[in-house]
Amino acid sequence: MPEFKITLNGEVRVFDKPVTILELIGDDRKYIAAMVNKRVRELTYTIEKDSEVVPLTVKDGDAKNIYEASVRFLVAMAMHNIHPELEVRFSYNISRSIFMQILTPGVSSNGQMVLDLRKEMRRLVDEDLPLVRKILSKEEAAAIFDAEGMEDKSAIMKYRPEKTAHVYVCGNYKNYMYSRMVPSTGYIKEWMIRFYHPGIIIQYPRSEAGGKIPPFEDAPTFGKTLKRAHQWATATHADTVVGINKHIEQDGAVDFINLCESKHNQQIVELGNMIEDDIENIRLICIAGPSSSGKTTFANKLRIELMSRGINPIRISLDDYYLPRDMAPKDENGEPDLESIDALDIPYFNQNMSDLISGMTVELPKFDFKLGKRVPGRRLCISQDQPIIIEGIHALNDKMTSDIPSHQKFKIFIAPQAQIAIDNHNPLSLTDLRLLRRIVRDYQFRGASAIDTISMWPSVRKGEFRWIYDTQEGANYVFNSLLSYELSVMKKYAMPLLEAIDLESKFFPVAERLIRMLKFFDDLPDEWVPCNSLIREFIGGSCYSDV
């Protein structure tokens, strides 16, 4: 074959026969995968043409995802070895971890199971068993999964658009994690497991933690919210892609959409009851959550609910309290850091809230994003029984409302708490769900491409970890903004935007991951989605767009 060049760490080497990435970089186990001409590849990938190769560690987001999938493979294999009679399911949980629960009736996790699992996982790591990918027809893959007692995996094959499927073989064990994998079990050395009733917590290195395993932090409020989301999803058979598709196929769009919207309405009513019961004390209703949680629509729906009870709140956005651009704090690149709480005029906001609550007439600011500064806004005066809804990413931060007594604040954290899985071993990412929402919204309303949104997402995530997630545990209520039908609706909006990203783009790996998630969902037309649905905030057609 003709000679070709490979550039690795600035060094150009010439080859006249195919070479794997492993042969290039050697047996350095810190490398998990590699970028080859800007595409993520497994270390066993064979190169046959001119290429630029960039090795990746768990500090890199794309490699972290591969490592996390490999950890799930290792845990599932170890559990199969020590308890082949048990069926387990993985989900994402507190402290940026994986939660494993036992699905087999009458069996619970316990301390001894953790000890046995840890021992078997270490044995498999020491054995350094290769993980070999097999490309099969969908029918062959389904037959293998059926033979292995993994009916959940064979069921999803019906919805796989490709004619082929992948299966990874490790010794006598077979599984697939919808991800590229490390070459062998010997690469999966960094993990921690612990008993966390009623299941087992698995921690792994995170890219945002510098490739380290973050310290375990209990989060009972978040944990209860996830449990509640899981209970509803399983009770309504909307906890898997297959279950959601069956709803669409068997019940039709109208019934499934209304089923999910009803869950949102129930939460709104719960909130209305809680606020009404303590309305004599509540002056501020604070709403915060990470990007693309649906804060704006939620705030409007809550406002209407309270109005139906004779409570007439006003709404104020924290975005109107940004400092002028030239006064905003700078990020590490010297750009205005609009995610920082210090980008807001905190004393001014506190003074406005105190004056309003005291019965004074206040001229509120309006931030003009084109001018980059505040301009005069509404003049308001409220009554003693009129609460103020404040909405923004820092609304639950007590620094933002330090002049208001704690008992006068009702705090609501909002985020989509997805408990949906492709199959028992492959949960859908809560973060990827929000990224999809934002990609669709940014294109619909801001003319931004998917690349524009994906490129700024790491900065958004950095701000969320720094400023938002810690405030969740102080919330009076956590609103789960997930609509189980939403990915089926957003698919037609998101897929063309993602598929437009070139294979050679550095953003293609993210697009590829999102496409891999979306492709299994049946399409659901949006004509029956209510105009006041939270998902309308992202796809368009919201009756609140001018409110």
Protein backbone atom coordinates (compact mmCIF):
# COMPACT_ATOMS: atom_id res chain seq x y z
CA MET A 1 0.00 0.00 0.00
CA PRO A 2 1.18 3.62 -0.51
CA GLU A 3 2.97 5.39 2.32
CA PHE A 4 0.96 7.64 4.66
CA LYS A 5 1.85 10.07 7.46
CA ILE A 6 0.64 10.17 11.05
CA THR A 7 1.15 13.26 13.22
CA LEU A 8 1.29 12.46 16.95
CA ASN A 9 2.31 15.04 19.57
CA GLY A 10 3.86 17.21 16.86
CA GLU A 11 5.97 14.35 15.50
CA VAL A 12 5.34 13.11 11.95
CA ARG A 13 5.90 9.43 11.26
CA VAL A 14 5.64 7.57 7.96
CA PHE A 15 4.04 4.12 7.60
CA ASP A 16 3.59 1.72 4.71
CA LYS A 17 1.13 -0.63 6.40
CA PRO A 18 -1.93 -0.21 8.69
CA VAL A 19 -1.23 0.63 12.34
CA THR A 20 -3.48 0.75 15.40
CA ILE A 21 -3.55 3.67 17.82
CA LEU A 22 -2.29 1.32 20.54
CA GLU A 23 0.76 0.52 18.46
CA LEU A 24 1.38 4.25 18.10
CA ILE A 25 1.06 5.36 21.72
CA GLY A 26 2.15 2.19 23.51
CA ASP A 27 0.73 0.69 26.69
CA ASP A 28 0.13 3.95 28.59
CA ARG A 29 -3.10 3.26 30.47
CA LYS A 30 -3.83 6.93 31.12
CA TYR A 31 -5.03 7.17 27.52
CA ILE A 32 -8.64 6.04 27.08
CA ALA A 33 -9.28 6.90 23.43
CA ALA A 34 -7.95 9.22 20.73
CA MET A 35 -9.04 11.85 18.26
CA VAL A 36 -8.17 10.79 14.72
CA ASN A 37 -8.73 13.62 12.28
CA LYS A 38 -11.09 15.16 14.87
CA ARG A 39 -13.16 11.99 15.30
CA VAL A 40 -13.17 9.99 18.52
CA ARG A 41 -11.79 6.50 18.02
CA GLU A 42 -11.11 3.51 20.22
CA LEU A 43 -7.49 2.70 20.88
CA THR A 44 -7.88 -0.46 18.81
CA TYR A 45 -8.79 1.60 15.74
CA THR A 46 -6.63 0.94 12.68
CA ILE A 47 -5.21 3.90 10.71
CA GLU A 48 -4.53 3.49 6.99
CA LYS A 49 -4.24 7.07 5.68
CA ASP A 50 -2.74 10.46 6.54
CA SER A 51 -3.98 11.32 10.01
CA GLU A 52 -3.53 13.59 12.99
CA VAL A 53 -3.83 11.68 16.26
CA VAL A 54 -4.52 13.27 19.65
CA PRO A 55 -4.58 10.83 22.62
CA LEU A 56 -7.37 11.49 25.16
CA THR A 57 -7.47 10.98 28.94
CA VAL A 58 -10.42 11.08 31.35
CA LYS A 59 -9.76 14.82 31.65
CA ASP A 60 -11.30 15.07 28.17
CA GLY A 61 -15.09 14.97 28.04
CA ASP A 62 -15.32 12.53 25.13
CA ALA A 63 -12.92 10.10 26.79
CA LYS A 64 -14.73 10.44 30.12
CA ASN A 65 -17.93 9.22 28.47
CA ILE A 66 -16.10 6.17 27.11
CA TYR A 67 -14.60 5.45 30.51
CA GLU A 68 -17.99 5.78 32.24
CA ALA A 69 -19.58 3.35 29.76
CA SER A 70 -16.68 0.94 30.33
CA VAL A 71 -17.24 1.15 34.09
CA ARG A 72 -20.90 0.22 33.59
CA PHE A 73 -19.79 -2.73 31.45
CA LEU A 74 -17.38 -3.84 34.19
CA VAL A 75 -20.03 -3.57 36.93
CA ALA A 76 -22.64 -5.41 34.84
CA MET A 77 -20.15 -8.17 34.04
CA ALA A 78 -19.07 -8.53 37.67
CA MET A 79 -22.70 -8.68 38.85
CA HIS A 80 -23.43 -11.30 36.21
CA ASN A 81 -20.51 -13.37 37.48
CA ILE A 82 -21.42 -13.25 41.17
CA HIS A 83 -25.22 -13.13 40.86
CA PRO A 84 -26.29 -14.35 37.40
CA GLU A 85 -29.84 -14.75 38.66
CA LEU A 86 -30.27 -11.02 39.34
CA GLU A 87 -31.43 -8.30 36.94
CA VAL A 88 -29.97 -4.85 37.57
CA ARG A 89 -30.55 -1.36 36.24
CA PHE A 90 -28.29 1.69 36.10
CA SER A 91 -29.38 5.30 36.41
CA TYR A 92 -27.60 8.61 36.99
CA ASN A 93 -27.83 9.82 40.54
CA ILE A 94 -26.49 12.14 43.23
CA SER A 95 -22.86 13.24 43.43
CA ARG A 96 -22.42 12.79 39.67
CA SER A 97 -22.54 9.01 40.09
CA ILE A 98 -24.22 5.90 38.72
CA PHE A 99 -26.86 4.18 40.83
CA MET A 100 -27.39 0.43 40.47
CA GLN A 101 -30.60 -1.10 41.73
CA ILE A 102 -31.78 -4.69 41.80
CA LEU A 103 -34.88 -5.26 39.66
CA THR A 104 -35.39 -8.88 40.69
CA PRO A 105 -38.37 -8.98 43.09
CA GLY A 106 -37.60 -9.78 46.71
CA VAL A 107 -33.88 -9.04 46.48
CA SER A 108 -32.16 -5.95 47.88
CA SER A 109 -28.59 -4.72 47.82
CA ASN A 110 -26.58 -5.01 51.03
CA GLY A 111 -23.10 -4.52 52.42
CA GLN A 112 -21.98 -8.04 51.59
CA MET A 113 -23.03 -7.63 47.98
CA VAL A 114 -20.86 -4.50 47.77
CA LEU A 115 -17.86 -6.41 49.14
CA ASP A 116 -18.39 -9.27 46.69
CA LEU A 117 -18.91 -6.90 43.78
CA ARG A 118 -15.80 -4.87 44.60
CA LYS A 119 -13.71 -8.04 44.84
CA GLU A 120 -14.96 -9.37 41.49
CA MET A 121 -14.44 -6.02 39.74
CA ARG A 122 -10.85 -5.90 40.99
CA ARG A 123 -10.28 -9.46 39.80
CA LEU A 124 -11.55 -8.59 36.32
CA VAL A 125 -9.33 -5.52 36.20
CA ASP A 126 -6.30 -7.58 37.21
CA GLU A 127 -7.16 -10.19 34.54
CA ASP A 128 -6.91 -7.42 31.90
CA LEU A 129 -9.45 -9.14 29.66
CA PRO A 130 -9.86 -7.67 26.15
CA LEU A 131 -13.16 -6.06 25.15
CA VAL A 132 -13.76 -7.10 21.56
CA ARG A 133 -16.37 -5.39 19.39
CA LYS A 134 -18.44 -7.56 17.07
CA ILE A 135 -20.54 -6.09 14.25
CA LEU A 136 -23.64 -8.21 13.71
CA SER A 137 -27.02 -7.93 12.07
CA LYS A 138 -29.78 -6.58 14.31
CA GLU A 139 -31.38 -9.99 14.28
CA GLU A 140 -28.16 -11.72 15.36
CA ALA A 141 -27.62 -9.19 18.16
CA ALA A 142 -31.21 -9.59 19.38
CA ALA A 143 -30.80 -13.37 19.43
CA ILE A 144 -27.61 -13.07 21.51
CA PHE A 145 -29.27 -10.75 24.02
CA ASP A 146 -32.29 -13.04 24.27
CA ALA A 147 -29.98 -15.98 24.93
CA GLU A 148 -28.22 -13.94 27.65
CA GLY A 149 -31.55 -13.13 29.32
CA MET A 150 -31.33 -9.45 28.29
CA GLU A 151 -34.78 -9.04 26.74
CA ASP A 152 -34.62 -5.29 27.38
CA LYS A 153 -31.66 -5.09 24.97
CA SER A 154 -33.23 -7.25 22.29
CA ALA A 155 -36.47 -5.21 22.44
CA ILE A 156 -34.72 -1.96 21.49
CA MET A 157 -33.30 -3.52 18.32
CA LYS A 158 -36.70 -3.04 16.66
CA TYR A 159 -36.14 0.72 16.80
CA ARG A 160 -32.52 0.78 15.67
CA PRO A 161 -32.53 2.40 12.21
CA GLU A 162 -29.32 0.67 11.07
CA LYS A 163 -29.30 -2.90 9.76
CA THR A 164 -26.34 -3.81 11.94
CA ALA A 165 -25.65 -3.63 15.69
CA HIS A 166 -22.63 -3.92 17.94
CA VAL A 167 -21.91 -6.38 20.72
CA TYR A 168 -18.83 -6.30 22.95
CA VAL A 169 -17.45 -9.65 24.05
CA CYS A 170 -15.28 -10.02 27.14
CA GLY A 171 -14.46 -13.64 27.89
CA ASN A 172 -17.86 -15.35 27.86
CA TYR A 173 -19.76 -12.15 28.69
CA LYS A 174 -21.58 -10.09 26.04
CA ASN A 175 -23.10 -6.62 26.34
CA TYR A 176 -23.37 -3.27 24.57
CA MET A 177 -23.26 0.19 26.16
CA TYR A 178 -24.00 2.34 23.07
CA SER A 179 -20.53 3.76 23.32
CA ARG A 180 -16.99 3.13 22.29
CA MET A 181 -15.03 1.21 24.91
CA VAL A 182 -11.55 0.89 26.37
CA PRO A 183 -9.41 -1.96 24.96
CA SER A 184 -9.49 -4.16 28.05
CA THR A 185 -10.65 -4.39 31.66
CA GLY A 186 -7.16 -3.44 32.81
CA TYR A 187 -7.88 0.16 31.78
CA ILE A 188 -10.82 0.44 34.22
CA LYS A 189 -8.88 0.86 37.45
CA GLU A 190 -10.38 4.08 38.81
CA TRP A 191 -13.80 3.70 40.42
CA MET A 192 -15.43 3.61 43.83
CA ILE A 193 -18.54 1.75 44.93
CA ARG A 194 -20.58 2.06 48.11
CA PHE A 195 -23.84 0.81 49.52
CA TYR A 196 -26.55 3.46 49.28
CA HIS A 197 -29.93 2.05 50.25
CA PRO A 198 -31.68 0.55 48.40
CA GLY A 199 -28.91 0.17 45.81
CA ILE A 200 -25.22 0.70 45.10
CA ILE A 201 -23.48 3.93 44.11
CA ILE A 202 -20.68 3.75 41.54
CA GLN A 203 -18.36 6.75 41.19
CA TYR A 204 -15.90 7.32 38.37
CA PRO A 205 -13.44 10.03 37.23
CA ARG A 206 -15.03 13.20 35.85
CA SER A 207 -13.54 15.56 33.30
CA GLU A 208 -14.86 18.62 35.16
CA ALA A 209 -13.02 17.35 38.25
CA GLY A 210 -9.70 17.23 36.42
CA GLY A 211 -9.95 13.52 35.73
CA LYS A 212 -10.40 12.68 39.42
CA ILE A 213 -13.28 11.00 41.23
CA PRO A 214 -15.17 13.82 42.99
CA PRO A 215 -15.72 13.47 46.75
CA PHE A 216 -19.04 11.82 47.50
CA GLU A 217 -21.63 14.38 48.54
CA ASP A 218 -25.00 13.24 49.80
CA ALA A 219 -27.93 15.19 48.36
CA PRO A 220 -31.17 13.99 49.96
CA THR A 221 -33.40 16.54 48.22
CA PHE A 222 -32.02 15.65 44.79
CA GLY A 223 -32.14 11.95 45.67
CA LYS A 224 -35.80 12.10 46.67
CA THR A 225 -36.64 13.93 43.45
CA LEU A 226 -34.94 11.25 41.35
CA LYS A 227 -36.73 8.52 43.29
CA ARG A 228 -40.07 10.20 42.73
CA ALA A 229 -39.31 10.60 39.02
CA HIS A 230 -38.37 6.93 38.78
CA GLN A 231 -41.55 5.82 40.54
CA TRP A 232 -43.75 7.81 38.16
CA ALA A 233 -41.85 6.66 35.08
CA THR A 234 -42.07 2.98 36.00
CA ALA A 235 -45.73 3.24 37.06
CA THR A 236 -46.64 4.72 33.67
CA HIS A 237 -44.23 2.51 31.66
CA ALA A 238 -42.37 5.59 30.45
CA ASP A 239 -38.99 4.64 31.93
CA THR A 240 -37.53 3.18 28.73
CA VAL A 241 -37.37 4.17 25.08
CA VAL A 242 -39.31 1.00 24.23
CA GLY A 243 -42.03 1.91 26.73
CA ILE A 244 -42.31 5.46 25.35
CA ASN A 245 -42.50 4.18 21.76
CA LYS A 246 -45.21 1.70 22.74
CA HIS A 247 -47.23 4.53 24.28
CA ILE A 248 -47.04 6.40 20.97
CA GLU A 249 -47.86 3.31 18.91
CA GLN A 250 -50.64 1.93 21.09
CA ASP A 251 -52.18 4.91 22.88
CA GLY A 252 -51.60 7.58 20.27
CA ALA A 253 -50.10 11.04 20.53
CA VAL A 254 -52.98 12.74 22.34
CA ASP A 255 -53.19 10.32 25.24
CA PHE A 256 -49.44 10.15 25.84
CA ILE A 257 -48.95 13.91 25.62
CA ASN A 258 -51.80 14.52 28.05
CA LEU A 259 -50.50 11.83 30.41
CA CYS A 260 -47.16 13.63 30.68
CA GLU A 261 -48.68 17.11 30.87
CA SER A 262 -50.92 15.88 33.68
CA LYS A 263 -47.82 15.08 35.73
CA HIS A 264 -46.60 18.66 35.32
CA ASN A 265 -50.01 19.99 36.30
CA GLN A 266 -50.05 17.82 39.44
CA GLN A 267 -46.74 19.34 40.51
CA ILE A 268 -48.05 22.85 39.87
CA VAL A 269 -51.08 22.13 42.04
CA GLU A 270 -48.85 20.75 44.82
CA LEU A 271 -46.83 23.95 44.70
CA GLY A 272 -49.99 26.05 44.75
CA ASN A 273 -51.14 24.27 47.91
CA MET A 274 -47.79 24.73 49.65
CA ILE A 275 -47.57 28.42 48.82
CA GLU A 276 -51.20 29.12 49.67
CA ASP A 277 -50.82 27.43 53.06
CA ASP A 278 -48.00 29.83 53.98
CA ILE A 279 -48.94 32.89 51.95
CA GLU A 280 -49.05 35.13 55.03
CA ASN A 281 -45.26 34.76 55.31
CA ILE A 282 -44.11 34.33 51.70
CA ARG A 283 -42.99 37.52 49.94
CA LEU A 284 -40.47 36.09 47.47
CA ILE A 285 -40.96 32.97 45.34
CA CYS A 286 -37.47 32.19 44.04
CA ILE A 287 -37.08 29.99 40.95
CA ALA A 288 -33.69 28.72 39.76
CA GLY A 289 -32.28 25.86 37.77
CA PRO A 290 -29.63 25.01 35.18
CA SER A 291 -29.79 26.07 31.56
CA SER A 292 -32.79 24.93 29.51
CA SER A 293 -34.78 23.72 32.50
CA GLY A 294 -37.88 25.59 31.39
CA LYS A 295 -37.81 28.32 34.05
CA THR A 296 -39.72 30.91 32.02
CA THR A 297 -42.71 28.74 31.13
CA PHE A 298 -42.78 27.24 34.60
CA ALA A 299 -42.85 30.68 36.23
CA ASN A 300 -45.81 31.66 34.04
CA LYS A 301 -47.71 28.45 34.79
CA LEU A 302 -47.12 28.90 38.52
CA ARG A 303 -48.29 32.51 38.26
CA ILE A 304 -51.57 31.38 36.66
CA GLU A 305 -52.04 28.66 39.31
CA LEU A 306 -51.62 31.20 42.10
CA MET A 307 -53.98 33.63 40.39
CA SER A 308 -56.63 30.90 40.37
CA ARG A 309 -56.33 30.89 44.18
CA GLY A 310 -56.75 34.66 44.50
CA ILE A 311 -53.00 35.25 44.82
CA ASN A 312 -51.65 37.80 42.32
CA PRO A 313 -47.86 37.60 42.08
CA ILE A 314 -45.65 39.78 39.93
CA ARG A 315 -42.65 38.43 38.00
CA ILE A 316 -39.16 39.89 37.98
CA SER A 317 -36.22 38.49 36.04
CA LEU A 318 -32.72 38.61 37.49
CA ASP A 319 -31.44 39.16 33.94
CA ASP A 320 -32.54 42.79 34.24
CA TYR A 321 -30.03 43.31 37.04
CA TYR A 322 -26.86 42.60 35.08
CA LEU A 323 -24.09 45.10 35.58
CA PRO A 324 -23.01 47.03 32.48
CA ARG A 325 -20.79 44.84 30.32
CA ASP A 326 -17.68 46.88 31.12
CA MET A 327 -18.24 46.26 34.86
CA ALA A 328 -18.92 42.51 34.62
CA PRO A 329 -16.31 40.09 36.04
CA LYS A 330 -14.06 38.44 33.48
CA ASP A 331 -13.60 34.74 32.87
CA GLU A 332 -10.24 33.05 32.24
CA ASN A 333 -10.38 34.20 28.61
CA GLY A 334 -10.93 37.84 29.53
CA GLU A 335 -14.56 37.77 28.38
CA PRO A 336 -17.54 38.98 30.49
CA ASP A 337 -18.55 36.10 32.78
CA LEU A 338 -22.33 36.34 32.70
CA GLU A 339 -22.70 33.05 34.60
CA SER A 340 -21.15 34.58 37.74
CA ILE A 341 -23.38 35.95 40.46
CA ASP A 342 -21.02 38.91 40.59
CA ALA A 343 -22.20 39.88 37.10
CA LEU A 344 -25.42 41.02 38.81
CA ASP A 345 -25.96 44.24 40.77
CA ILE A 346 -26.75 42.51 44.05
CA PRO A 347 -27.12 45.60 46.30
CA TYR A 348 -29.44 47.24 43.77
CA PHE A 349 -31.61 44.10 43.53
CA ASN A 350 -31.82 43.74 47.32
CA GLN A 351 -32.80 47.40 47.64
CA ASN A 352 -35.54 47.05 45.01
CA MET A 353 -36.97 43.94 46.67
CA SER A 354 -36.91 45.50 50.14
CA ASP A 355 -38.59 48.67 48.85
CA LEU A 356 -41.31 46.71 47.04
CA ILE A 357 -42.05 44.54 50.06
CA SER A 358 -42.22 47.72 52.19
CA GLY A 359 -44.96 49.09 49.94
CA MET A 360 -42.88 51.67 48.10
CA THR A 361 -43.21 52.47 44.40
CA VAL A 362 -40.12 51.27 42.54
CA GLU A 363 -38.88 51.87 39.02
CA LEU A 364 -37.46 48.52 37.96
CA PRO A 365 -34.57 48.28 35.51
CA LYS A 366 -34.66 46.60 32.11
CA PHE A 367 -31.40 45.26 30.74
CA ASP A 368 -30.88 46.07 27.07
CA PHE A 369 -28.65 43.30 25.77
CA LYS A 370 -27.94 45.18 22.54
CA LEU A 371 -26.68 48.22 24.44
CA GLY A 372 -25.07 46.12 27.14
CA LYS A 373 -26.53 48.19 29.95
CA ARG A 374 -29.68 48.80 32.02
CA VAL A 375 -32.43 51.16 30.90
CA PRO A 376 -35.57 52.29 32.84
CA GLY A 377 -38.29 49.66 33.09
CA ARG A 378 -41.67 49.28 34.82
CA ARG A 379 -42.84 51.31 37.81
CA LEU A 380 -44.40 49.01 40.38
CA CYS A 381 -46.06 49.12 43.77
CA ILE A 382 -47.38 45.91 45.32
CA SER A 383 -49.76 45.13 48.16
CA GLN A 384 -48.86 43.30 51.36
CA ASP A 385 -50.46 40.06 50.13
CA GLN A 386 -48.77 40.11 46.72
CA PRO A 387 -45.70 37.86 46.40
CA ILE A 388 -42.86 38.48 43.95
CA ILE A 389 -41.71 35.69 41.64
CA ILE A 390 -38.01 36.06 40.88
CA GLU A 391 -36.49 33.85 38.23
CA GLY A 392 -32.86 33.34 37.26
CA ILE A 393 -29.93 30.99 37.69
CA HIS A 394 -28.93 32.67 40.98
CA ALA A 395 -32.41 33.08 42.45
CA LEU A 396 -31.81 30.49 45.21
CA ASN A 397 -28.47 31.96 46.25
CA ASP A 398 -29.03 33.68 49.60
CA LYS A 399 -26.43 36.30 48.66
CA MET A 400 -28.90 37.49 46.04
CA THR A 401 -31.66 38.15 48.58
CA SER A 402 -29.67 38.68 51.79
CA ASP A 403 -31.89 41.58 52.92
CA ILE A 404 -35.02 39.40 52.93
CA PRO A 405 -35.70 37.17 55.98
CA SER A 406 -35.46 33.43 55.20
CA HIS A 407 -39.03 32.67 56.29
CA GLN A 408 -40.30 35.11 53.65
CA LYS A 409 -38.67 33.18 50.80
CA PHE A 410 -40.07 30.09 49.09
CA LYS A 411 -37.39 28.42 46.98
CA ILE A 412 -38.08 26.27 43.92
CA PHE A 413 -35.39 24.39 41.99
CA ILE A 414 -36.35 23.30 38.48
CA ALA A 415 -34.59 20.80 36.21
CA PRO A 416 -35.54 17.84 34.00
CA GLN A 417 -34.92 14.79 36.17
CA ALA A 418 -34.96 12.18 33.41
CA GLN A 419 -35.28 8.56 34.48
CA ILE A 420 -35.37 7.12 30.98
CA ALA A 421 -33.11 4.36 29.71
CA ILE A 422 -32.33 2.80 26.34
CA ASP A 423 -32.11 -0.46 28.26
CA ASN A 424 -31.34 -1.52 31.83
CA HIS A 425 -27.62 -0.81 31.49
CA ASN A 426 -27.84 2.43 29.49
CA PRO A 427 -29.55 5.42 31.11
CA LEU A 428 -30.08 8.64 29.18
CA SER A 429 -28.04 11.62 30.32
CA LEU A 430 -29.92 14.41 32.11
CA THR A 431 -27.34 16.88 30.81
CA ASP A 432 -27.67 15.75 27.19
CA LEU A 433 -31.43 16.23 27.43
CA ARG A 434 -30.94 19.88 28.40
CA LEU A 435 -28.31 20.34 25.69
CA LEU A 436 -30.80 19.10 23.09
CA ARG A 437 -33.41 21.52 24.40
CA ARG A 438 -30.96 24.38 24.12
CA ILE A 439 -29.79 23.42 20.63
CA VAL A 440 -33.39 23.44 19.39
CA ARG A 441 -34.31 26.66 21.23
CA ASP A 442 -31.18 28.56 20.17
CA TYR A 443 -31.85 27.70 16.53
CA GLN A 444 -35.57 28.46 16.71
CA PHE A 445 -35.30 31.82 18.47
CA ARG A 446 -31.71 33.03 18.20
CA GLY A 447 -30.64 31.81 14.78
CA ALA A 448 -27.74 29.90 16.34
CA SER A 449 -26.38 26.72 14.80
CA ALA A 450 -25.92 23.51 16.75
CA ILE A 451 -22.17 24.19 16.67
CA ASP A 452 -22.72 27.61 18.25
CA THR A 453 -24.63 26.02 21.14
CA ILE A 454 -22.33 23.04 21.60
CA SER A 455 -19.24 25.27 21.60
CA MET A 456 -20.52 27.37 24.51
CA TRP A 457 -21.93 24.42 26.48
CA PRO A 458 -18.73 23.67 28.48
CA SER A 459 -18.76 27.26 29.77
CA VAL A 460 -22.43 26.94 30.70
CA ARG A 461 -21.74 23.68 32.53
CA LYS A 462 -18.82 25.22 34.39
CA GLY A 463 -21.11 27.97 35.65
CA GLU A 464 -23.75 25.46 36.70
CA PHE A 465 -21.30 23.47 38.80
CA ARG A 466 -19.98 26.62 40.42
CA TRP A 467 -23.20 28.50 41.06
CA ILE A 468 -26.35 26.40 40.72
CA TYR A 469 -26.24 22.78 41.85
CA ASP A 470 -25.30 23.51 45.45
CA THR A 471 -28.45 25.61 45.87
CA GLN A 472 -30.72 22.67 45.08
CA GLU A 473 -30.50 21.19 48.56
CA GLY A 474 -31.89 24.38 50.10
CA ALA A 475 -35.02 24.33 47.97
CA ASN A 476 -38.52 24.01 49.42
CA TYR A 477 -39.60 22.16 46.28
CA VAL A 478 -37.87 20.56 43.28
CA PHE A 479 -39.91 20.69 40.10
CA ASN A 480 -39.16 17.93 37.60
CA SER A 481 -39.54 19.65 34.24
CA LEU A 482 -39.10 16.49 32.16
CA LEU A 483 -41.88 15.60 29.75
CA SER A 484 -41.42 11.95 28.84
CA TYR A 485 -42.65 12.56 25.30
CA GLU A 486 -40.34 15.49 24.58
CA LEU A 487 -37.47 13.66 22.85
CA SER A 488 -39.98 12.10 20.44
CA VAL A 489 -41.20 15.62 19.58
CA MET A 490 -37.78 17.30 19.50
CA LYS A 491 -36.29 14.61 17.30
CA LYS A 492 -37.52 16.20 14.05
CA TYR A 493 -36.15 19.59 15.15
CA ALA A 494 -32.80 18.40 16.47
CA MET A 495 -31.75 15.70 14.02
CA PRO A 496 -31.25 17.97 10.97
CA LEU A 497 -29.21 20.42 13.06
CA LEU A 498 -26.98 17.65 14.41
CA GLU A 499 -26.62 15.86 11.08
CA ALA A 500 -25.48 19.15 9.50
CA ILE A 501 -22.29 19.06 11.59
CA ASP A 502 -19.40 17.91 9.43
CA LEU A 503 -17.64 14.65 10.26
CA GLU A 504 -14.35 16.55 10.49
CA SER A 505 -15.69 19.13 12.96
CA LYS A 506 -14.33 18.98 16.49
CA PHE A 507 -17.96 19.18 17.62
CA PHE A 508 -19.01 16.07 15.71
CA PRO A 509 -18.38 13.68 18.66
CA VAL A 510 -21.04 15.51 20.70
CA ALA A 511 -23.44 15.53 17.76
CA GLU A 512 -22.82 11.84 17.22
CA ARG A 513 -23.60 11.09 20.88
CA LEU A 514 -26.86 13.03 20.73
CA ILE A 515 -27.89 11.38 17.45
CA ARG A 516 -27.16 7.99 19.00
CA MET A 517 -29.66 8.83 21.75
CA LEU A 518 -32.39 10.38 19.60
CA LYS A 519 -32.47 7.83 16.80
CA PHE A 520 -34.30 5.19 18.85
CA PHE A 521 -37.34 7.36 19.56
CA ASP A 522 -40.46 7.20 17.41
CA ASP A 523 -41.42 10.54 15.89
CA LEU A 524 -44.29 12.29 17.65
CA PRO A 525 -46.07 15.16 15.86
CA ASP A 526 -46.28 18.34 17.88
CA GLU A 527 -49.73 19.47 16.71
CA TRP A 528 -51.30 18.18 19.94
CA VAL A 529 -48.71 19.71 22.27
CA PRO A 530 -50.58 22.37 24.33
CA CYS A 531 -49.60 26.00 23.76
CA ASN A 532 -48.82 26.33 27.48
CA SER A 533 -46.61 23.24 27.56
CA LEU A 534 -43.11 23.72 28.89
CA ILE A 535 -41.68 22.12 25.75
CA ARG A 536 -43.15 24.97 23.68
CA GLU A 537 -40.46 27.18 25.20
CA PHE A 538 -37.98 25.27 23.04
CA ILE A 539 -39.83 24.23 19.88
CA GLY A 540 -41.97 27.38 19.54
CA GLY A 541 -45.69 28.12 19.65
CA SER A 542 -45.85 29.05 23.33
CA CYS A 543 -48.77 31.19 24.44
CA TYR A 544 -46.34 32.80 26.93
CA SER A 545 -43.92 34.07 24.30
CA ASP A 546 -45.09 37.65 24.71
CA VAL A 547 -45.77 37.56 28.47
